[in-house]
All heavy atoms as atom14 arrays in JSON, in Angstrom:
{
  "sequence": "VGAWFGGFQALMPAIGYVLGYQFRDKITAVDHWIAFILLGVIGANMIK",
  "atom14_mask": [
    [1, 1, 1, 1, 1, 1, 1, 0, 0, 0, 0, 0, 0, 0],
    [1, 1, 1, 1, 0, 0, 0, 0, 0, 0, 0, 0, 0, 0],
    [1, 1, 1, 1, 1, 0, 0, 0, 0, 0, 0, 0, 0, 0],
    [1, 1, 1, 1, 1, 1, 1, 1, 1, 1, 1, 1, 1, 1],
    [1, 1, 1, 1, 1, 1, 1, 1, 1, 1, 1, 0, 0, 0],
    [1, 1, 1, 1, 0, 0, 0, 0, 0, 0, 0, 0, 0, 0],
    [1, 1, 1, 1, 0, 0, 0, 0, 0, 0, 0, 0, 0, 0],
    [1, 1, 1, 1, 1, 1, 1, 1, 1, 1, 1, 0, 0, 0],
    [1, 1, 1, 1, 1, 1, 1, 1, 1, 0, 0, 0, 0, 0],
    [1, 1, 1, 1, 1, 0, 0, 0, 0, 0, 0, 0, 0, 0],
    [1, 1, 1, 1, 1, 1, 1, 1, 0, 0, 0, 0, 0, 0],
    [1, 1, 1, 1, 1, 1, 1, 1, 0, 0, 0, 0, 0, 0],
    [1, 1, 1, 1, 1, 1, 1, 0, 0, 0, 0, 0, 0, 0],
    [1, 1, 1, 1, 1, 0, 0, 0, 0, 0, 0, 0, 0, 0],
    [1, 1, 1, 1, 1, 1, 1, 1, 0, 0, 0, 0, 0, 0],
    [1, 1, 1, 1, 0, 0, 0, 0, 0, 0, 0, 0, 0, 0],
    [1, 1, 1, 1, 1, 1, 1, 1, 1, 1, 1, 1, 0, 0],
    [1, 1, 1, 1, 1, 1, 1, 0, 0, 0, 0, 0, 0, 0],
    [1, 1, 1, 1, 1, 1, 1, 1, 0, 0, 0, 0, 0, 0],
    [1, 1, 1, 1, 0, 0, 0, 0, 0, 0, 0, 0, 0, 0],
    [1, 1, 1, 1, 1, 1, 1, 1, 1, 1, 1, 1, 0, 0],
    [1, 1, 1, 1, 1, 1, 1, 1, 1, 0, 0, 0, 0, 0],
    [1, 1, 1, 1, 1, 1, 1, 1, 1, 1, 1, 0, 0, 0],
    [1, 1, 1, 1, 1, 1, 1, 1, 1, 1, 1, 0, 0, 0],
    [1, 1, 1, 1, 1, 1, 1, 1, 0, 0, 0, 0, 0, 0],
    [1, 1, 1, 1, 1, 1, 1, 1, 1, 0, 0, 0, 0, 0],
    [1, 1, 1, 1, 1, 1, 1, 1, 0, 0, 0, 0, 0, 0],
    [1, 1, 1, 1, 1, 1, 1, 0, 0, 0, 0, 0, 0, 0],
    [1, 1, 1, 1, 1, 0, 0, 0, 0, 0, 0, 0, 0, 0],
    [1, 1, 1, 1, 1, 1, 1, 0, 0, 0, 0, 0, 0, 0],
    [1, 1, 1, 1, 1, 1, 1, 1, 0, 0, 0, 0, 0, 0],
    [1, 1, 1, 1, 1, 1, 1, 1, 1, 1, 0, 0, 0, 0],
    [1, 1, 1, 1, 1, 1, 1, 1, 1, 1, 1, 1, 1, 1],
    [1, 1, 1, 1, 1, 1, 1, 1, 0, 0, 0, 0, 0, 0],
    [1, 1, 1, 1, 1, 0, 0, 0, 0, 0, 0, 0, 0, 0],
    [1, 1, 1, 1, 1, 1, 1, 1, 1, 1, 1, 0, 0, 0],
    [1, 1, 1, 1, 1, 1, 1, 1, 0, 0, 0, 0, 0, 0],
    [1, 1, 1, 1, 1, 1, 1, 1, 0, 0, 0, 0, 0, 0],
    [1, 1, 1, 1, 1, 1, 1, 1, 0, 0, 0, 0, 0, 0],
    [1, 1, 1, 1, 0, 0, 0, 0, 0, 0, 0, 0, 0, 0],
    [1, 1, 1, 1, 1, 1, 1, 0, 0, 0, 0, 0, 0, 0],
    [1, 1, 1, 1, 1, 1, 1, 1, 0, 0, 0, 0, 0, 0],
    [1, 1, 1, 1, 0, 0, 0, 0, 0, 0, 0, 0, 0, 0],
    [1, 1, 1, 1, 1, 0, 0, 0, 0, 0, 0, 0, 0, 0],
    [1, 1, 1, 1, 1, 1, 1, 1, 0, 0, 0, 0, 0, 0],
    [1, 1, 1, 1, 1, 1, 1, 1, 0, 0, 0, 0, 0, 0],
    [1, 1, 1, 1, 1, 1, 1, 1, 0, 0, 0, 0, 0, 0],
    [1, 1, 1, 1, 1, 1, 1, 1, 1, 0, 0, 0, 0, 0]
  ],
  "atom14_positions": [
    [[16.21, 9.0, -14.36], [15.73, 7.85, -14.04], [15.36, 7.73, -12.56], [14.29, 7.31, -12.11], [16.48, 6.55, -14.53], [15.92, 5.31, -14.03], [16.7, 6.64, -16.07], [0.0, 0.0, 0.0], [0.0, 0.0, 0.0], [0.0, 0.0, 0.0], [0.0, 0.0, 0.0], [0.0, 0.0, 0.0], [0.0, 0.0, 0.0], [0.0, 0.0, 0.0]],
    [[16.2, 7.9, -11.74], [16.05, 8.02, -10.27], [14.99, 8.95, -9.76], [14.28, 8.6, -8.85], [0.0, 0.0, 0.0], [0.0, 0.0, 0.0], [0.0, 0.0, 0.0], [0.0, 0.0, 0.0], [0.0, 0.0, 0.0], [0.0, 0.0, 0.0], [0.0, 0.0, 0.0], [0.0, 0.0, 0.0], [0.0, 0.0, 0.0], [0.0, 0.0, 0.0]],
    [[14.98, 10.23, -10.4], [14.05, 11.16, -9.96], [12.58, 10.67, -10.28], [11.66, 10.81, -9.5], [14.28, 12.46, -10.59], [0.0, 0.0, 0.0], [0.0, 0.0, 0.0], [0.0, 0.0, 0.0], [0.0, 0.0, 0.0], [0.0, 0.0, 0.0], [0.0, 0.0, 0.0], [0.0, 0.0, 0.0], [0.0, 0.0, 0.0], [0.0, 0.0, 0.0]],
    [[12.34, 10.09, -11.63], [11.12, 9.59, -11.85], [10.66, 8.58, -11.04], [9.51, 8.51, -10.41], [11.11, 9.14, -13.3], [10.83, 10.17, -14.33], [11.79, 10.8, -15.1], [9.5, 10.71, -14.61], [11.05, 11.77, -15.92], [9.8, 11.72, -15.67], [8.2, 10.47, -14.23], [8.72, 12.57, -16.25], [7.17, 11.28, -14.82], [7.45, 12.26, -15.78]],
    [[11.54, 7.5, -10.79], [11.12, 6.32, -10.09], [10.99, 6.76, -8.48], [9.98, 6.26, -7.81], [12.05, 5.24, -10.13], [11.89, 4.5, -11.55], [13.09, 4.02, -12.15], [10.78, 4.61, -12.36], [12.85, 3.43, -13.45], [10.63, 4.02, -13.58], [11.74, 3.39, -14.12], [0.0, 0.0, 0.0], [0.0, 0.0, 0.0], [0.0, 0.0, 0.0]],
    [[11.92, 7.46, -8.07], [11.9, 7.91, -6.55], [10.65, 8.76, -6.33], [10.05, 8.7, -5.18], [0.0, 0.0, 0.0], [0.0, 0.0, 0.0], [0.0, 0.0, 0.0], [0.0, 0.0, 0.0], [0.0, 0.0, 0.0], [0.0, 0.0, 0.0], [0.0, 0.0, 0.0], [0.0, 0.0, 0.0], [0.0, 0.0, 0.0], [0.0, 0.0, 0.0]],
    [[10.48, 9.67, -7.19], [9.21, 10.67, -7.02], [8.0, 9.86, -6.89], [7.15, 10.07, -5.98], [0.0, 0.0, 0.0], [0.0, 0.0, 0.0], [0.0, 0.0, 0.0], [0.0, 0.0, 0.0], [0.0, 0.0, 0.0], [0.0, 0.0, 0.0], [0.0, 0.0, 0.0], [0.0, 0.0, 0.0], [0.0, 0.0, 0.0], [0.0, 0.0, 0.0]],
    [[7.73, 8.88, -7.81], [6.54, 8.15, -7.87], [6.44, 7.08, -6.63], [5.28, 6.94, -6.07], [6.27, 7.49, -9.25], [5.47, 8.3, -10.19], [6.28, 9.33, -10.88], [4.18, 8.13, -10.32], [5.49, 10.03, -11.82], [3.51, 9.05, -11.21], [4.11, 9.99, -11.9], [0.0, 0.0, 0.0], [0.0, 0.0, 0.0], [0.0, 0.0, 0.0]],
    [[7.55, 6.57, -6.26], [7.55, 5.7, -5.11], [7.3, 6.48, -3.83], [6.76, 5.77, -2.97], [9.0, 4.97, -5.0], [9.08, 3.84, -5.95], [8.32, 2.63, -5.76], [7.47, 2.59, -5.03], [8.75, 1.64, -6.55], [0.0, 0.0, 0.0], [0.0, 0.0, 0.0], [0.0, 0.0, 0.0], [0.0, 0.0, 0.0], [0.0, 0.0, 0.0]],
    [[7.5, 7.8, -3.84], [7.14, 8.58, -2.65], [5.65, 8.96, -2.81], [4.93, 9.05, -1.82], [8.05, 9.82, -2.56], [0.0, 0.0, 0.0], [0.0, 0.0, 0.0], [0.0, 0.0, 0.0], [0.0, 0.0, 0.0], [0.0, 0.0, 0.0], [0.0, 0.0, 0.0], [0.0, 0.0, 0.0], [0.0, 0.0, 0.0], [0.0, 0.0, 0.0]],
    [[5.28, 9.42, -3.95], [3.94, 9.84, -4.14], [2.9, 8.81, -3.91], [1.79, 9.06, -3.35], [3.75, 10.41, -5.52], [2.39, 11.0, -6.1], [2.04, 12.14, -5.14], [2.42, 11.35, -7.51], [0.0, 0.0, 0.0], [0.0, 0.0, 0.0], [0.0, 0.0, 0.0], [0.0, 0.0, 0.0], [0.0, 0.0, 0.0], [0.0, 0.0, 0.0]],
    [[3.04, 7.6, -4.46], [2.0, 6.7, -4.48], [1.63, 6.11, -3.02], [0.51, 6.02, -2.73], [2.34, 5.45, -5.29], [2.5, 5.68, -6.8], [0.81, 6.27, -7.43], [0.6, 5.17, -8.61], [0.0, 0.0, 0.0], [0.0, 0.0, 0.0], [0.0, 0.0, 0.0], [0.0, 0.0, 0.0], [0.0, 0.0, 0.0], [0.0, 0.0, 0.0]],
    [[2.67, 5.88, -2.11], [2.17, 5.51, -0.74], [1.34, 6.7, 0.01], [0.51, 6.4, 0.66], [3.51, 5.31, 0.05], [4.44, 5.15, -0.97], [4.01, 5.9, -2.24], [0.0, 0.0, 0.0], [0.0, 0.0, 0.0], [0.0, 0.0, 0.0], [0.0, 0.0, 0.0], [0.0, 0.0, 0.0], [0.0, 0.0, 0.0], [0.0, 0.0, 0.0]],
    [[1.68, 7.98, -0.25], [0.95, 9.07, 0.13], [-0.55, 9.01, -0.35], [-1.34, 9.2, 0.56], [1.59, 10.45, -0.15], [0.0, 0.0, 0.0], [0.0, 0.0, 0.0], [0.0, 0.0, 0.0], [0.0, 0.0, 0.0], [0.0, 0.0, 0.0], [0.0, 0.0, 0.0], [0.0, 0.0, 0.0], [0.0, 0.0, 0.0], [0.0, 0.0, 0.0]],
    [[-0.71, 8.77, -1.48], [-2.06, 8.56, -2.16], [-2.77, 7.53, -1.56], [-3.95, 7.56, -1.13], [-2.01, 8.53, -3.66], [-1.47, 9.83, -4.36], [-3.4, 8.23, -4.2], [-1.22, 9.74, -5.81], [0.0, 0.0, 0.0], [0.0, 0.0, 0.0], [0.0, 0.0, 0.0], [0.0, 0.0, 0.0], [0.0, 0.0, 0.0], [0.0, 0.0, 0.0]],
    [[-2.1, 6.36, -1.4], [-2.81, 5.21, -0.77], [-3.05, 5.38, 0.67], [-4.0, 4.93, 1.19], [0.0, 0.0, 0.0], [0.0, 0.0, 0.0], [0.0, 0.0, 0.0], [0.0, 0.0, 0.0], [0.0, 0.0, 0.0], [0.0, 0.0, 0.0], [0.0, 0.0, 0.0], [0.0, 0.0, 0.0], [0.0, 0.0, 0.0], [0.0, 0.0, 0.0]],
    [[-2.23, 6.21, 1.48], [-2.51, 6.49, 2.87], [-3.77, 7.26, 2.89], [-4.6, 6.99, 3.79], [-1.43, 7.28, 3.36], [-1.61, 7.6, 4.81], [-1.29, 6.83, 5.84], [-2.15, 9.0, 5.2], [-1.56, 7.15, 7.2], [-2.29, 9.28, 6.46], [-1.94, 8.42, 7.48], [-2.2, 8.8, 8.78], [0.0, 0.0, 0.0], [0.0, 0.0, 0.0]],
    [[-3.98, 8.26, 2.03], [-5.1, 9.18, 2.12], [-6.37, 8.19, 1.86], [-7.4, 8.38, 2.43], [-5.1, 10.36, 1.11], [-6.33, 10.94, 0.87], [-4.08, 11.27, 1.53], [0.0, 0.0, 0.0], [0.0, 0.0, 0.0], [0.0, 0.0, 0.0], [0.0, 0.0, 0.0], [0.0, 0.0, 0.0], [0.0, 0.0, 0.0], [0.0, 0.0, 0.0]],
    [[-6.32, 7.37, 0.87], [-7.43, 6.45, 0.5], [-7.7, 5.55, 1.68], [-8.85, 5.29, 2.17], [-7.07, 5.62, -0.66], [-6.99, 6.42, -2.09], [-6.57, 5.45, -3.12], [-8.27, 7.1, -2.39], [0.0, 0.0, 0.0], [0.0, 0.0, 0.0], [0.0, 0.0, 0.0], [0.0, 0.0, 0.0], [0.0, 0.0, 0.0], [0.0, 0.0, 0.0]],
    [[-6.63, 4.95, 2.26], [-6.82, 3.94, 3.34], [-7.31, 4.64, 4.62], [-8.11, 4.02, 5.46], [0.0, 0.0, 0.0], [0.0, 0.0, 0.0], [0.0, 0.0, 0.0], [0.0, 0.0, 0.0], [0.0, 0.0, 0.0], [0.0, 0.0, 0.0], [0.0, 0.0, 0.0], [0.0, 0.0, 0.0], [0.0, 0.0, 0.0], [0.0, 0.0, 0.0]],
    [[-6.88, 5.83, 4.88], [-7.25, 6.55, 6.13], [-8.82, 6.84, 6.24], [-9.29, 6.99, 7.27], [-6.46, 7.97, 6.14], [-6.49, 8.53, 7.56], [-5.82, 8.02, 8.52], [-7.49, 9.54, 7.9], [-5.88, 8.71, 9.84], [-7.45, 10.04, 9.06], [-6.7, 9.66, 10.08], [-6.81, 10.16, 11.38], [0.0, 0.0, 0.0], [0.0, 0.0, 0.0]],
    [[-9.4, 6.91, 5.01], [-10.77, 7.19, 4.98], [-11.62, 6.07, 5.57], [-12.66, 6.19, 6.05], [-11.22, 7.59, 3.49], [-10.72, 8.81, 2.94], [-11.01, 8.98, 1.55], [-11.8, 8.24, 0.9], [-10.5, 10.13, 0.9], [0.0, 0.0, 0.0], [0.0, 0.0, 0.0], [0.0, 0.0, 0.0], [0.0, 0.0, 0.0], [0.0, 0.0, 0.0]],
    [[-11.17, 4.87, 5.38], [-11.81, 3.68, 5.91], [-11.15, 3.1, 7.21], [-11.58, 2.07, 7.6], [-11.72, 2.57, 4.81], [-12.35, 3.02, 3.52], [-11.41, 3.4, 2.41], [-13.65, 3.21, 3.32], [-11.88, 3.85, 1.2], [-14.18, 3.62, 2.12], [-13.32, 3.99, 1.03], [0.0, 0.0, 0.0], [0.0, 0.0, 0.0], [0.0, 0.0, 0.0]],
    [[-10.21, 3.66, 7.77], [-9.41, 3.34, 8.93], [-10.31, 2.91, 10.13], [-10.19, 1.8, 10.61], [-8.48, 4.32, 9.35], [-7.71, 3.93, 10.54], [-6.68, 5.06, 10.83], [-5.76, 4.66, 11.9], [-4.79, 5.31, 12.41], [-4.61, 6.45, 11.81], [-4.07, 4.78, 13.41], [0.0, 0.0, 0.0], [0.0, 0.0, 0.0], [0.0, 0.0, 0.0]],
    [[-11.21, 3.73, 10.44], [-12.1, 3.49, 11.65], [-13.14, 2.19, 11.38], [-13.49, 1.51, 12.34], [-13.06, 4.57, 11.89], [-12.18, 5.76, 12.38], [-11.1, 5.66, 12.96], [-12.55, 6.96, 12.25], [0.0, 0.0, 0.0], [0.0, 0.0, 0.0], [0.0, 0.0, 0.0], [0.0, 0.0, 0.0], [0.0, 0.0, 0.0], [0.0, 0.0, 0.0]],
    [[-13.37, 1.98, 10.15], [-14.35, 0.86, 9.81], [-13.71, -0.51, 9.82], [-14.37, -1.48, 10.04], [-15.04, 1.25, 8.46], [-15.84, 2.44, 8.4], [-16.36, 2.83, 7.11], [-17.11, 4.09, 6.91], [-16.42, 5.23, 7.26], [0.0, 0.0, 0.0], [0.0, 0.0, 0.0], [0.0, 0.0, 0.0], [0.0, 0.0, 0.0], [0.0, 0.0, 0.0]],
    [[-12.43, -0.5, 9.47], [-11.74, -1.79, 9.42], [-10.52, -2.12, 10.25], [-9.8, -2.95, 9.87], [-11.56, -2.09, 7.9], [-10.67, -1.03, 7.34], [-12.71, -2.35, 7.13], [-10.36, -1.18, 5.82], [0.0, 0.0, 0.0], [0.0, 0.0, 0.0], [0.0, 0.0, 0.0], [0.0, 0.0, 0.0], [0.0, 0.0, 0.0], [0.0, 0.0, 0.0]],
    [[-10.46, -1.38, 11.38], [-9.23, -1.63, 12.24], [-9.09, -2.99, 12.82], [-8.13, -3.43, 13.12], [-9.23, -0.52, 13.43], [-10.45, -0.53, 14.03], [-8.92, 0.78, 12.88], [0.0, 0.0, 0.0], [0.0, 0.0, 0.0], [0.0, 0.0, 0.0], [0.0, 0.0, 0.0], [0.0, 0.0, 0.0], [0.0, 0.0, 0.0], [0.0, 0.0, 0.0]],
    [[-10.2, -3.72, 12.88], [-10.29, -5.07, 13.5], [-9.59, -6.05, 12.6], [-9.14, -7.11, 13.02], [-11.63, -5.56, 13.77], [0.0, 0.0, 0.0], [0.0, 0.0, 0.0], [0.0, 0.0, 0.0], [0.0, 0.0, 0.0], [0.0, 0.0, 0.0], [0.0, 0.0, 0.0], [0.0, 0.0, 0.0], [0.0, 0.0, 0.0], [0.0, 0.0, 0.0]],
    [[-9.58, -5.76, 11.19], [-8.93, -6.63, 10.28], [-7.61, -6.0, 9.51], [-7.32, -6.57, 8.5], [-9.9, -7.05, 9.37], [-10.98, -8.11, 9.96], [-10.59, -6.08, 8.46], [0.0, 0.0, 0.0], [0.0, 0.0, 0.0], [0.0, 0.0, 0.0], [0.0, 0.0, 0.0], [0.0, 0.0, 0.0], [0.0, 0.0, 0.0], [0.0, 0.0, 0.0]],
    [[-7.15, -4.8, 10.02], [-6.14, -4.14, 9.35], [-4.95, -5.08, 9.19], [-4.31, -4.91, 8.1], [-5.78, -2.95, 10.07], [-5.4, -2.94, 11.47], [-5.37, -4.23, 11.98], [-4.98, -2.0, 12.21], [0.0, 0.0, 0.0], [0.0, 0.0, 0.0], [0.0, 0.0, 0.0], [0.0, 0.0, 0.0], [0.0, 0.0, 0.0], [0.0, 0.0, 0.0]],
    [[-4.48, -5.84, 10.05], [-3.41, -6.64, 9.88], [-3.37, -7.75, 8.9], [-2.6, -8.05, 8.26], [-3.06, -7.32, 11.41], [-4.28, -8.07, 11.93], [-5.26, -7.42, 12.48], [-4.46, -9.46, 12.01], [-6.08, -8.28, 12.91], [-5.77, -9.52, 12.61], [0.0, 0.0, 0.0], [0.0, 0.0, 0.0], [0.0, 0.0, 0.0], [0.0, 0.0, 0.0]],
    [[-4.74, -8.25, 8.66], [-4.98, -9.09, 7.7], [-4.93, -8.47, 6.28], [-4.4, -8.89, 5.24], [-6.28, -9.79, 7.71], [-6.35, -10.71, 8.88], [-7.04, -10.59, 10.08], [-5.95, -12.07, 8.82], [-6.78, -11.69, 10.93], [-6.02, -12.65, 10.1], [-5.16, -12.83, 7.86], [-5.61, -14.01, 10.5], [-4.74, -14.09, 8.26], [-4.94, -14.62, 9.51]],
    [[-5.44, -7.25, 6.21], [-5.36, -6.46, 4.91], [-3.85, -6.13, 4.6], [-3.53, -6.4, 3.46], [-6.1, -5.11, 5.0], [-7.62, -5.28, 5.23], [-5.86, -4.17, 3.93], [-8.44, -4.12, 5.66], [0.0, 0.0, 0.0], [0.0, 0.0, 0.0], [0.0, 0.0, 0.0], [0.0, 0.0, 0.0], [0.0, 0.0, 0.0], [0.0, 0.0, 0.0]],
    [[-3.11, -5.82, 5.51], [-1.64, -5.46, 5.3], [-0.98, -6.77, 4.82], [-0.2, -6.88, 3.92], [-0.97, -4.97, 6.6], [0.0, 0.0, 0.0], [0.0, 0.0, 0.0], [0.0, 0.0, 0.0], [0.0, 0.0, 0.0], [0.0, 0.0, 0.0], [0.0, 0.0, 0.0], [0.0, 0.0, 0.0], [0.0, 0.0, 0.0], [0.0, 0.0, 0.0]],
    [[-1.3, -7.88, 5.56], [-0.72, -9.17, 5.25], [-1.1, -9.68, 3.77], [-0.23, -10.04, 3.09], [-1.11, -10.19, 6.2], [-0.76, -11.7, 5.84], [0.36, -12.17, 5.93], [-1.88, -12.53, 5.47], [0.69, -13.51, 5.48], [-1.55, -13.92, 5.16], [-0.24, -14.32, 5.18], [0.0, 0.0, 0.0], [0.0, 0.0, 0.0], [0.0, 0.0, 0.0]],
    [[-2.35, -9.49, 3.52], [-2.81, -9.88, 1.99], [-2.29, -8.99, 0.99], [-1.7, -9.41, -0.05], [-4.28, -9.92, 2.07], [-4.85, -11.08, 2.93], [-4.84, -9.99, 0.62], [-6.33, -11.17, 3.23], [0.0, 0.0, 0.0], [0.0, 0.0, 0.0], [0.0, 0.0, 0.0], [0.0, 0.0, 0.0], [0.0, 0.0, 0.0], [0.0, 0.0, 0.0]],
    [[-2.31, -7.75, 1.19], [-1.7, -6.82, 0.16], [-0.29, -7.06, -0.05], [0.21, -7.21, -1.12], [-2.0, -5.35, 0.66], [-3.42, -4.79, 0.34], [-3.58, -3.45, 1.01], [-3.87, -4.98, -1.12], [0.0, 0.0, 0.0], [0.0, 0.0, 0.0], [0.0, 0.0, 0.0], [0.0, 0.0, 0.0], [0.0, 0.0, 0.0], [0.0, 0.0, 0.0]],
    [[0.56, -7.1, 0.98], [2.01, -7.15, 0.94], [2.28, -8.59, 0.25], [3.16, -8.73, -0.57], [2.68, -7.06, 2.27], [2.73, -5.64, 2.76], [3.22, -5.58, 4.24], [3.49, -4.74, 1.91], [0.0, 0.0, 0.0], [0.0, 0.0, 0.0], [0.0, 0.0, 0.0], [0.0, 0.0, 0.0], [0.0, 0.0, 0.0], [0.0, 0.0, 0.0]],
    [[1.45, -9.64, 0.71], [1.74, -10.93, 0.15], [1.36, -11.14, -1.3], [2.19, -11.53, -2.05], [0.0, 0.0, 0.0], [0.0, 0.0, 0.0], [0.0, 0.0, 0.0], [0.0, 0.0, 0.0], [0.0, 0.0, 0.0], [0.0, 0.0, 0.0], [0.0, 0.0, 0.0], [0.0, 0.0, 0.0], [0.0, 0.0, 0.0], [0.0, 0.0, 0.0]],
    [[0.34, -10.41, -1.82], [-0.18, -10.45, -3.2], [0.98, -9.71, -3.95], [1.31, -10.19, -5.13], [-1.48, -9.91, -3.35], [-1.77, -9.64, -4.82], [-2.58, -10.74, -2.71], [0.0, 0.0, 0.0], [0.0, 0.0, 0.0], [0.0, 0.0, 0.0], [0.0, 0.0, 0.0], [0.0, 0.0, 0.0], [0.0, 0.0, 0.0], [0.0, 0.0, 0.0]],
    [[1.33, -8.55, -3.65], [2.29, -7.6, -4.24], [3.66, -8.55, -4.38], [4.27, -8.64, -5.4], [2.56, -6.31, -3.5], [1.38, -5.55, -3.62], [3.67, -5.71, -4.12], [1.24, -4.37, -2.67], [0.0, 0.0, 0.0], [0.0, 0.0, 0.0], [0.0, 0.0, 0.0], [0.0, 0.0, 0.0], [0.0, 0.0, 0.0], [0.0, 0.0, 0.0]],
    [[4.05, -9.13, -3.3], [5.26, -9.88, -3.26], [5.31, -11.0, -4.13], [6.15, -11.27, -4.87], [0.0, 0.0, 0.0], [0.0, 0.0, 0.0], [0.0, 0.0, 0.0], [0.0, 0.0, 0.0], [0.0, 0.0, 0.0], [0.0, 0.0, 0.0], [0.0, 0.0, 0.0], [0.0, 0.0, 0.0], [0.0, 0.0, 0.0], [0.0, 0.0, 0.0]],
    [[4.19, -11.72, -4.09], [4.05, -13.02, -4.94], [4.01, -12.58, -6.38], [4.55, -13.23, -7.26], [2.69, -13.72, -4.64], [0.0, 0.0, 0.0], [0.0, 0.0, 0.0], [0.0, 0.0, 0.0], [0.0, 0.0, 0.0], [0.0, 0.0, 0.0], [0.0, 0.0, 0.0], [0.0, 0.0, 0.0], [0.0, 0.0, 0.0], [0.0, 0.0, 0.0]],
    [[3.32, -11.36, -6.71], [3.33, -10.9, -8.08], [4.8, -10.51, -8.58], [5.1, -10.99, -9.74], [2.46, -9.73, -8.14], [1.9, -9.71, -9.55], [1.8, -10.56, -10.34], [1.43, -8.4, -9.9], [0.0, 0.0, 0.0], [0.0, 0.0, 0.0], [0.0, 0.0, 0.0], [0.0, 0.0, 0.0], [0.0, 0.0, 0.0], [0.0, 0.0, 0.0]],
    [[5.6, -9.95, -7.71], [7.02, -9.6, -8.04], [7.76, -11.03, -8.38], [8.6, -10.99, -9.3], [7.63, -8.81, -6.96], [7.09, -7.4, -6.92], [7.87, -6.43, -5.59], [9.49, -6.26, -6.08], [0.0, 0.0, 0.0], [0.0, 0.0, 0.0], [0.0, 0.0, 0.0], [0.0, 0.0, 0.0], [0.0, 0.0, 0.0], [0.0, 0.0, 0.0]],
    [[7.57, -11.89, -7.37], [8.32, -13.18, -7.58], [7.93, -13.92, -8.92], [8.71, -14.38, -9.67], [8.07, -14.1, -6.34], [8.87, -13.44, -5.24], [8.61, -15.46, -6.67], [8.46, -14.23, -3.81], [0.0, 0.0, 0.0], [0.0, 0.0, 0.0], [0.0, 0.0, 0.0], [0.0, 0.0, 0.0], [0.0, 0.0, 0.0], [0.0, 0.0, 0.0]],
    [[6.56, -13.87, -9.21], [6.1, -14.5, -10.42], [6.7, -13.86, -11.63], [7.12, -14.51, -12.56], [4.55, -14.29, -10.44], [3.8, -14.87, -11.65], [2.29, -14.68, -11.64], [1.84, -14.67, -12.99], [0.6, -14.06, -13.26], [0.0, 0.0, 0.0], [0.0, 0.0, 0.0], [0.0, 0.0, 0.0], [0.0, 0.0, 0.0], [0.0, 0.0, 0.0]]
  ]
}
């Protein structure tokens, strides 16, 4: 159970990083808002 969950929790941010890095130069002016919104939505969903 630990290997499955730990493995995917490590893999998914790496995939997200690659996707986000492609757009990094285009949206650095609002990156803090993106981080705030994404973490807020994810957190609110977990609380819900």
